[in-house]
N, C-alpha and C. Protein backbone atom coordinates (compact mmCIF):
# COMPACT_ATOMS: atom_id res chain seq x y z
N UNK A 1 0.84 -1.18 0.00
CA UNK A 1 0.00 0.00 0.00
C UNK A 1 0.87 1.24 0.00
N UNK A 2 0.31 2.32 -0.48
CA UNK A 2 1.00 3.61 -0.55
C UNK A 2 0.10 4.67 0.07
N UNK A 3 0.71 5.61 0.78
CA UNK A 3 -0.02 6.72 1.37
C UNK A 3 0.28 8.00 0.60
N UNK A 4 -0.75 8.83 0.49
CA UNK A 4 -0.61 10.11 -0.19
C UNK A 4 -1.26 11.21 0.65
N UNK A 5 -0.57 12.34 0.75
CA UNK A 5 -1.16 13.56 1.29
C UNK A 5 -1.69 14.31 0.07
N UNK A 6 -2.93 14.75 0.13
CA UNK A 6 -3.49 15.52 -0.97
C UNK A 6 -3.85 16.91 -0.45
N UNK A 7 -3.31 17.90 -1.12
CA UNK A 7 -3.64 19.30 -0.81
C UNK A 7 -4.78 19.71 -1.73
N UNK A 8 -5.87 20.17 -1.14
CA UNK A 8 -7.05 20.59 -1.89
C UNK A 8 -7.17 22.11 -1.82
N UNK A 9 -7.24 22.75 -2.98
CA UNK A 9 -7.37 24.20 -3.03
C UNK A 9 -8.60 24.58 -3.85
N UNK A 10 -9.32 25.56 -3.36
CA UNK A 10 -10.50 26.05 -4.06
C UNK A 10 -10.08 26.91 -5.24
N UNK A 11 -10.86 26.87 -6.31
CA UNK A 11 -10.57 27.62 -7.52
C UNK A 11 -11.39 28.90 -7.56
N UNK A 12 -10.91 29.89 -8.31
CA UNK A 12 -11.67 31.12 -8.52
C UNK A 12 -11.84 31.91 -7.23
N UNK A 13 -13.07 32.38 -7.00
CA UNK A 13 -13.41 33.08 -5.75
C UNK A 13 -13.40 32.05 -4.64
N UNK A 14 -12.27 31.97 -3.94
CA UNK A 14 -12.05 30.90 -2.97
C UNK A 14 -13.11 30.85 -1.87
N UNK A 15 -13.50 31.99 -1.34
CA UNK A 15 -14.51 32.01 -0.27
C UNK A 15 -15.85 31.50 -0.78
N UNK A 16 -16.27 31.93 -1.96
CA UNK A 16 -17.54 31.47 -2.53
C UNK A 16 -17.48 29.99 -2.87
N UNK A 17 -16.35 29.55 -3.45
CA UNK A 17 -16.20 28.14 -3.80
C UNK A 17 -16.21 27.26 -2.55
N UNK A 18 -15.58 27.74 -1.48
CA UNK A 18 -15.58 26.99 -0.22
C UNK A 18 -16.98 26.89 0.36
N UNK A 19 -17.71 28.00 0.36
CA UNK A 19 -19.08 27.99 0.89
C UNK A 19 -19.93 26.98 0.12
N UNK A 20 -19.78 26.97 -1.20
CA UNK A 20 -20.54 26.04 -2.03
C UNK A 20 -20.14 24.59 -1.75
N UNK A 21 -18.83 24.32 -1.65
CA UNK A 21 -18.35 22.96 -1.42
C UNK A 21 -18.79 22.44 -0.05
N UNK A 22 -18.63 23.25 1.00
CA UNK A 22 -19.02 22.81 2.33
C UNK A 22 -20.53 22.61 2.42
N UNK A 23 -21.33 23.43 1.73
CA UNK A 23 -22.78 23.24 1.71
C UNK A 23 -23.14 21.93 1.04
N UNK A 24 -22.42 21.59 -0.04
CA UNK A 24 -22.67 20.34 -0.75
C UNK A 24 -22.26 19.14 0.09
N UNK A 25 -21.16 19.25 0.83
CA UNK A 25 -20.63 18.13 1.61
C UNK A 25 -21.26 17.98 2.99
N UNK A 26 -21.86 19.03 3.52
CA UNK A 26 -22.41 18.99 4.88
C UNK A 26 -23.37 17.82 5.12
N UNK A 27 -24.30 17.53 4.21
CA UNK A 27 -25.20 16.40 4.45
C UNK A 27 -24.48 15.05 4.54
N UNK A 28 -23.37 14.91 3.85
CA UNK A 28 -22.61 13.66 3.91
C UNK A 28 -21.75 13.63 5.17
N UNK A 29 -21.04 14.71 5.42
CA UNK A 29 -20.14 14.76 6.59
C UNK A 29 -20.91 14.59 7.89
N UNK A 30 -22.12 15.13 7.95
CA UNK A 30 -22.90 15.09 9.20
C UNK A 30 -23.73 13.82 9.35
N UNK A 31 -23.75 12.96 8.35
CA UNK A 31 -24.56 11.74 8.38
C UNK A 31 -23.64 10.52 8.38
N UNK A 32 -23.57 9.82 9.49
CA UNK A 32 -22.65 8.70 9.63
C UNK A 32 -22.86 7.63 8.55
N UNK A 33 -24.10 7.33 8.22
CA UNK A 33 -24.39 6.32 7.21
C UNK A 33 -23.96 6.80 5.82
N UNK A 34 -24.22 8.05 5.51
CA UNK A 34 -23.82 8.59 4.21
C UNK A 34 -22.29 8.63 4.09
N UNK A 35 -21.62 8.97 5.16
CA UNK A 35 -20.16 9.01 5.16
C UNK A 35 -19.60 7.60 4.98
N UNK A 36 -20.18 6.62 5.68
CA UNK A 36 -19.74 5.23 5.56
C UNK A 36 -19.94 4.72 4.13
N UNK A 37 -21.06 5.09 3.51
CA UNK A 37 -21.35 4.67 2.14
C UNK A 37 -20.32 5.26 1.18
N UNK A 38 -20.01 6.55 1.34
CA UNK A 38 -19.02 7.19 0.48
C UNK A 38 -17.67 6.50 0.63
N UNK A 39 -17.25 6.25 1.87
CA UNK A 39 -15.95 5.61 2.11
C UNK A 39 -15.92 4.18 1.55
N UNK A 40 -17.03 3.47 1.67
CA UNK A 40 -17.12 2.11 1.13
C UNK A 40 -16.99 2.11 -0.39
N UNK A 41 -17.66 3.06 -1.03
CA UNK A 41 -17.57 3.17 -2.49
C UNK A 41 -16.14 3.50 -2.93
N UNK A 42 -15.49 4.38 -2.20
CA UNK A 42 -14.11 4.73 -2.52
C UNK A 42 -13.19 3.53 -2.31
N UNK A 43 -13.38 2.82 -1.20
CA UNK A 43 -12.54 1.65 -0.90
C UNK A 43 -12.73 0.55 -1.95
N UNK A 44 -13.94 0.42 -2.47
CA UNK A 44 -14.18 -0.60 -3.50
C UNK A 44 -13.37 -0.30 -4.77
N UNK A 45 -12.97 0.95 -4.94
CA UNK A 45 -12.14 1.35 -6.08
C UNK A 45 -10.65 1.29 -5.74
N UNK A 46 -10.35 0.99 -4.46
CA UNK A 46 -8.96 0.88 -4.04
C UNK A 46 -8.38 2.12 -3.39
N UNK A 47 -9.24 3.02 -2.91
CA UNK A 47 -8.80 4.26 -2.28
C UNK A 47 -9.47 4.40 -0.92
N UNK A 48 -8.68 4.70 0.11
CA UNK A 48 -9.22 4.85 1.46
C UNK A 48 -8.73 6.15 2.08
N UNK A 49 -9.66 6.98 2.53
CA UNK A 49 -9.33 8.25 3.17
C UNK A 49 -9.23 8.05 4.67
N UNK A 50 -8.03 8.27 5.21
CA UNK A 50 -7.81 8.12 6.65
C UNK A 50 -8.25 9.35 7.42
N UNK A 51 -7.97 10.53 6.86
CA UNK A 51 -8.40 11.76 7.54
C UNK A 51 -8.51 12.93 6.58
N UNK A 52 -9.37 13.83 6.99
CA UNK A 52 -9.66 15.07 6.27
C UNK A 52 -9.32 16.20 7.22
N UNK A 53 -8.47 17.15 6.79
CA UNK A 53 -8.02 18.20 7.69
C UNK A 53 -8.17 19.57 7.03
N UNK A 54 -9.34 20.18 7.19
CA UNK A 54 -9.48 21.56 6.70
C UNK A 54 -8.75 22.50 7.66
N UNK A 55 -8.31 23.62 7.15
CA UNK A 55 -7.76 24.67 8.01
C UNK A 55 -8.92 25.27 8.82
N UNK A 56 -8.63 25.93 9.93
CA UNK A 56 -9.72 26.50 10.73
C UNK A 56 -10.64 27.44 9.95
N UNK A 57 -10.10 28.08 8.91
CA UNK A 57 -10.89 29.03 8.15
C UNK A 57 -11.20 28.55 6.71
N UNK A 58 -11.03 27.26 6.43
CA UNK A 58 -11.29 26.76 5.07
C UNK A 58 -12.71 27.05 4.62
N UNK A 59 -13.68 26.87 5.50
CA UNK A 59 -15.09 27.04 5.12
C UNK A 59 -15.45 28.49 4.85
N UNK A 60 -14.71 29.42 5.44
CA UNK A 60 -15.07 30.84 5.28
C UNK A 60 -14.18 31.60 4.31
N UNK A 61 -12.90 31.23 4.25
CA UNK A 61 -11.98 31.96 3.37
C UNK A 61 -11.51 31.15 2.18
N UNK A 62 -11.75 29.84 2.23
CA UNK A 62 -11.27 28.98 1.17
C UNK A 62 -9.82 28.58 1.33
N UNK A 63 -9.32 28.63 2.56
CA UNK A 63 -7.95 28.19 2.82
C UNK A 63 -7.81 26.71 2.42
N UNK A 64 -6.61 26.29 2.03
CA UNK A 64 -6.42 24.91 1.60
C UNK A 64 -6.78 23.89 2.68
N UNK A 65 -7.12 22.70 2.22
CA UNK A 65 -7.42 21.56 3.08
C UNK A 65 -6.46 20.44 2.70
N UNK A 66 -6.30 19.47 3.60
CA UNK A 66 -5.42 18.33 3.33
C UNK A 66 -6.12 17.03 3.73
N UNK A 67 -5.78 15.96 3.03
CA UNK A 67 -6.31 14.64 3.35
C UNK A 67 -5.17 13.63 3.29
N UNK A 68 -5.32 12.55 4.04
CA UNK A 68 -4.41 11.42 3.96
C UNK A 68 -5.17 10.27 3.32
N UNK A 69 -4.68 9.81 2.18
CA UNK A 69 -5.28 8.71 1.44
C UNK A 69 -4.32 7.53 1.41
N UNK A 70 -4.90 6.35 1.37
CA UNK A 70 -4.14 5.11 1.21
C UNK A 70 -4.66 4.41 -0.03
N UNK A 71 -3.76 3.77 -0.76
CA UNK A 71 -4.16 3.01 -1.93
C UNK A 71 -3.12 1.95 -2.24
N UNK A 72 -3.53 0.97 -3.01
CA UNK A 72 -2.60 -0.02 -3.52
C UNK A 72 -2.20 0.35 -4.95
N UNK A 73 -2.63 1.49 -5.38
CA UNK A 73 -2.43 1.93 -6.77
C UNK A 73 -1.29 2.94 -6.87
N UNK A 74 -0.97 3.32 -8.08
CA UNK A 74 0.13 4.25 -8.33
C UNK A 74 -0.26 5.71 -8.04
N UNK A 75 0.74 6.57 -8.02
CA UNK A 75 0.48 8.00 -7.84
C UNK A 75 -0.39 8.53 -8.98
N UNK A 76 -0.12 8.08 -10.19
CA UNK A 76 -0.90 8.52 -11.34
C UNK A 76 -2.37 8.11 -11.20
N UNK A 77 -2.60 6.90 -10.70
CA UNK A 77 -3.98 6.45 -10.50
C UNK A 77 -4.65 7.23 -9.37
N UNK A 78 -3.88 7.58 -8.34
CA UNK A 78 -4.42 8.42 -7.25
C UNK A 78 -4.81 9.78 -7.80
N UNK A 79 -3.94 10.36 -8.62
CA UNK A 79 -4.23 11.67 -9.21
C UNK A 79 -5.48 11.60 -10.09
N UNK A 80 -5.60 10.57 -10.88
CA UNK A 80 -6.78 10.41 -11.74
C UNK A 80 -8.04 10.28 -10.91
N UNK A 81 -7.99 9.46 -9.86
CA UNK A 81 -9.15 9.28 -8.98
C UNK A 81 -9.56 10.60 -8.35
N UNK A 82 -8.63 11.27 -7.70
CA UNK A 82 -8.98 12.46 -6.91
C UNK A 82 -9.41 13.62 -7.79
N UNK A 83 -8.93 13.65 -9.03
CA UNK A 83 -9.22 14.77 -9.93
C UNK A 83 -10.42 14.53 -10.84
N UNK A 84 -10.82 13.24 -11.05
CA UNK A 84 -11.85 13.03 -12.07
C UNK A 84 -12.92 11.99 -11.74
N UNK A 85 -12.76 11.23 -10.67
CA UNK A 85 -13.76 10.20 -10.35
C UNK A 85 -15.03 10.82 -9.77
N UNK A 86 -16.17 10.25 -10.13
CA UNK A 86 -17.42 10.72 -9.52
C UNK A 86 -17.50 10.31 -8.05
N UNK A 87 -16.56 9.51 -7.57
CA UNK A 87 -16.49 9.12 -6.15
C UNK A 87 -15.54 10.00 -5.36
N UNK A 88 -14.87 10.93 -6.03
CA UNK A 88 -13.97 11.86 -5.35
C UNK A 88 -14.78 13.05 -4.85
N UNK A 89 -14.71 13.34 -3.56
CA UNK A 89 -15.45 14.50 -3.05
C UNK A 89 -14.82 15.84 -3.42
N UNK A 90 -13.62 15.80 -3.98
CA UNK A 90 -12.92 17.05 -4.29
C UNK A 90 -12.64 17.20 -5.78
N UNK A 91 -13.44 16.56 -6.60
CA UNK A 91 -13.21 16.58 -8.04
C UNK A 91 -13.23 18.01 -8.60
N UNK A 92 -13.95 18.92 -7.98
CA UNK A 92 -14.05 20.30 -8.47
C UNK A 92 -12.95 21.22 -7.92
N UNK A 93 -12.04 20.67 -7.12
CA UNK A 93 -10.97 21.46 -6.52
C UNK A 93 -9.65 21.21 -7.23
N UNK A 94 -8.68 22.06 -6.97
CA UNK A 94 -7.32 21.82 -7.44
C UNK A 94 -6.68 20.87 -6.44
N UNK A 95 -6.29 19.67 -6.89
CA UNK A 95 -5.77 18.63 -6.01
C UNK A 95 -4.32 18.33 -6.35
N UNK A 96 -3.43 18.51 -5.37
CA UNK A 96 -2.01 18.21 -5.55
C UNK A 96 -1.68 17.01 -4.68
N UNK A 97 -1.13 15.97 -5.30
CA UNK A 97 -0.88 14.69 -4.63
C UNK A 97 0.61 14.55 -4.32
N UNK A 98 0.91 14.24 -3.04
CA UNK A 98 2.28 14.03 -2.58
C UNK A 98 2.37 12.65 -1.95
N UNK A 99 3.39 11.88 -2.32
CA UNK A 99 3.57 10.58 -1.67
C UNK A 99 4.08 10.80 -0.26
N UNK A 100 3.57 9.98 0.68
CA UNK A 100 3.96 10.07 2.09
C UNK A 100 4.64 8.77 2.51
N UNK A 101 5.44 8.84 3.55
CA UNK A 101 6.10 7.64 4.08
C UNK A 101 5.04 6.65 4.56
N UNK A 102 5.31 5.37 4.39
CA UNK A 102 4.35 4.35 4.77
C UNK A 102 4.53 3.88 6.22
N UNK A 103 5.55 4.35 6.89
CA UNK A 103 5.86 3.84 8.23
C UNK A 103 5.73 4.92 9.31
N UNK A 104 4.66 5.72 9.24
CA UNK A 104 4.52 6.80 10.20
C UNK A 104 3.42 6.54 11.23
N UNK A 105 3.03 5.30 11.42
CA UNK A 105 2.14 4.93 12.51
C UNK A 105 0.67 4.84 12.19
N UNK A 106 0.27 5.00 10.95
CA UNK A 106 -1.13 4.86 10.58
C UNK A 106 -1.41 3.40 10.27
N UNK A 107 -2.43 2.86 10.87
CA UNK A 107 -2.79 1.47 10.62
C UNK A 107 -3.36 1.36 9.20
N UNK A 108 -2.76 0.53 8.35
CA UNK A 108 -3.24 0.41 6.98
C UNK A 108 -4.66 -0.16 6.89
N UNK A 109 -5.41 0.34 5.96
CA UNK A 109 -6.75 -0.20 5.68
C UNK A 109 -6.64 -1.43 4.77
N UNK A 110 -5.79 -1.31 3.75
CA UNK A 110 -5.58 -2.40 2.81
C UNK A 110 -4.38 -3.22 3.28
N UNK A 111 -4.56 -4.52 3.42
CA UNK A 111 -3.44 -5.37 3.86
C UNK A 111 -2.91 -6.19 2.72
């Protein structure tokens, strides 16, 4: 398995784009069953999100957000998934993918 840190940045009017994105995601983030369904669909494609870390002001100013993803796939496949899959929650954002060390204490989802 490989871990990736993904930096998510809002495009255009960052504050307006952030307000729109958080409004779209709020029903999923606040609903345990909806969140589990989204994560299950992503995992079935070989991608697992360990954590989502918005900045304190991401929702109001559009400051960048970061996520930790795990996959058994290549960096190119991670980039394709996060940038274009209908299962990616950040498909409308600018997503920069960085490979992370695999031995930093996160329990792998994929064995």
